[in-house]
Amino acid sequence: MESHNTESSNSIPKSVSEKKNNQKIKELIELNDELENYFRNTIIPQLFVDADLVLRKFTPPAMK
């Protein structure tokens, strides 16, 4: 009779997976902060819309 292991042989331990997720979240936060800083400091009017042409973001000069 064969014994079956309930865990996959290539499963990543939760702590490693969580560490990778936390690193990705940190990177996204940093990139978002840089993008927000760009939006606040640009003099170029820009509108950002999604695929349905719904306004998602804009730079302050776009409101003038």
Protein backbone atom coordinates (compact mmCIF):
# COMPACT_ATOMS: atom_id res chain seq x y z
CA MET A 1 0.00 0.00 0.00
CA GLU A 2 1.34 3.43 -0.96
CA SER A 3 1.37 6.30 1.47
CA HIS A 4 0.25 9.65 0.08
CA ASN A 5 1.81 12.86 1.17
CA THR A 6 -0.80 15.63 1.42
CA GLU A 7 1.73 18.34 0.56
CA SER A 8 3.06 18.81 -2.93
CA SER A 9 6.76 18.07 -3.28
CA ASN A 10 7.33 21.51 -4.80
CA SER A 11 5.18 23.50 -2.38
CA ILE A 12 6.81 26.58 -0.89
CA PRO A 13 6.77 26.89 2.89
CA LYS A 14 4.26 29.50 3.96
CA SER A 15 6.89 31.73 5.52
CA VAL A 16 8.86 31.94 2.26
CA SER A 17 5.67 32.61 0.29
CA GLU A 18 4.61 35.30 2.76
CA LYS A 19 8.06 36.87 2.59
CA LYS A 20 7.85 37.06 -1.21
CA ASN A 21 4.34 38.54 -1.04
CA ASN A 22 5.42 41.11 1.54
CA GLN A 23 8.39 42.09 -0.65
CA LYS A 24 6.09 42.51 -3.67
CA ILE A 25 3.67 44.62 -1.62
CA LYS A 26 6.53 46.81 -0.40
CA GLU A 27 7.75 47.25 -3.98
CA LEU A 28 4.26 48.18 -5.19
CA ILE A 29 3.87 50.73 -2.40
CA GLU A 30 7.21 52.33 -3.31
CA LEU A 31 6.31 52.44 -7.01
CA ASN A 32 2.90 53.90 -6.23
CA ASP A 33 4.52 56.57 -4.05
CA GLU A 34 6.86 57.50 -6.91
CA LEU A 35 3.94 57.70 -9.33
CA GLU A 36 1.91 59.87 -6.94
CA ASN A 37 4.93 62.15 -6.52
CA TYR A 38 5.15 62.47 -10.30
CA PHE A 39 1.46 63.36 -10.52
CA ARG A 40 1.81 66.05 -7.85
CA ASN A 41 4.91 67.62 -9.38
CA THR A 42 4.33 67.52 -13.12
CA ILE A 43 3.38 70.61 -15.07
CA ILE A 44 1.98 68.58 -17.96
CA PRO A 45 -1.82 68.17 -17.99
CA GLN A 46 -2.59 64.45 -18.27
CA LEU A 47 -5.74 62.35 -17.98
CA PHE A 48 -5.58 58.60 -17.40
CA VAL A 49 -8.58 56.50 -18.41
CA ASP A 50 -9.26 52.78 -18.27
CA ALA A 51 -10.39 50.54 -21.17
CA ASP A 52 -13.97 51.80 -20.74
CA LEU A 53 -12.77 55.41 -20.92
CA VAL A 54 -13.55 56.00 -17.25
CA LEU A 55 -11.28 58.67 -15.77
CA ARG A 56 -8.96 57.01 -13.23
CA LYS A 57 -6.27 59.60 -12.53
CA PHE A 58 -5.28 63.08 -13.57
CA THR A 59 -2.48 65.51 -12.92
CA PRO A 60 -3.31 68.81 -11.18
CA PRO A 61 -2.58 70.91 -14.31
CA ALA A 62 -5.36 68.99 -16.10
CA MET A 63 -7.89 70.75 -13.84
CA LYS A 64 -6.91 74.26 -14.95
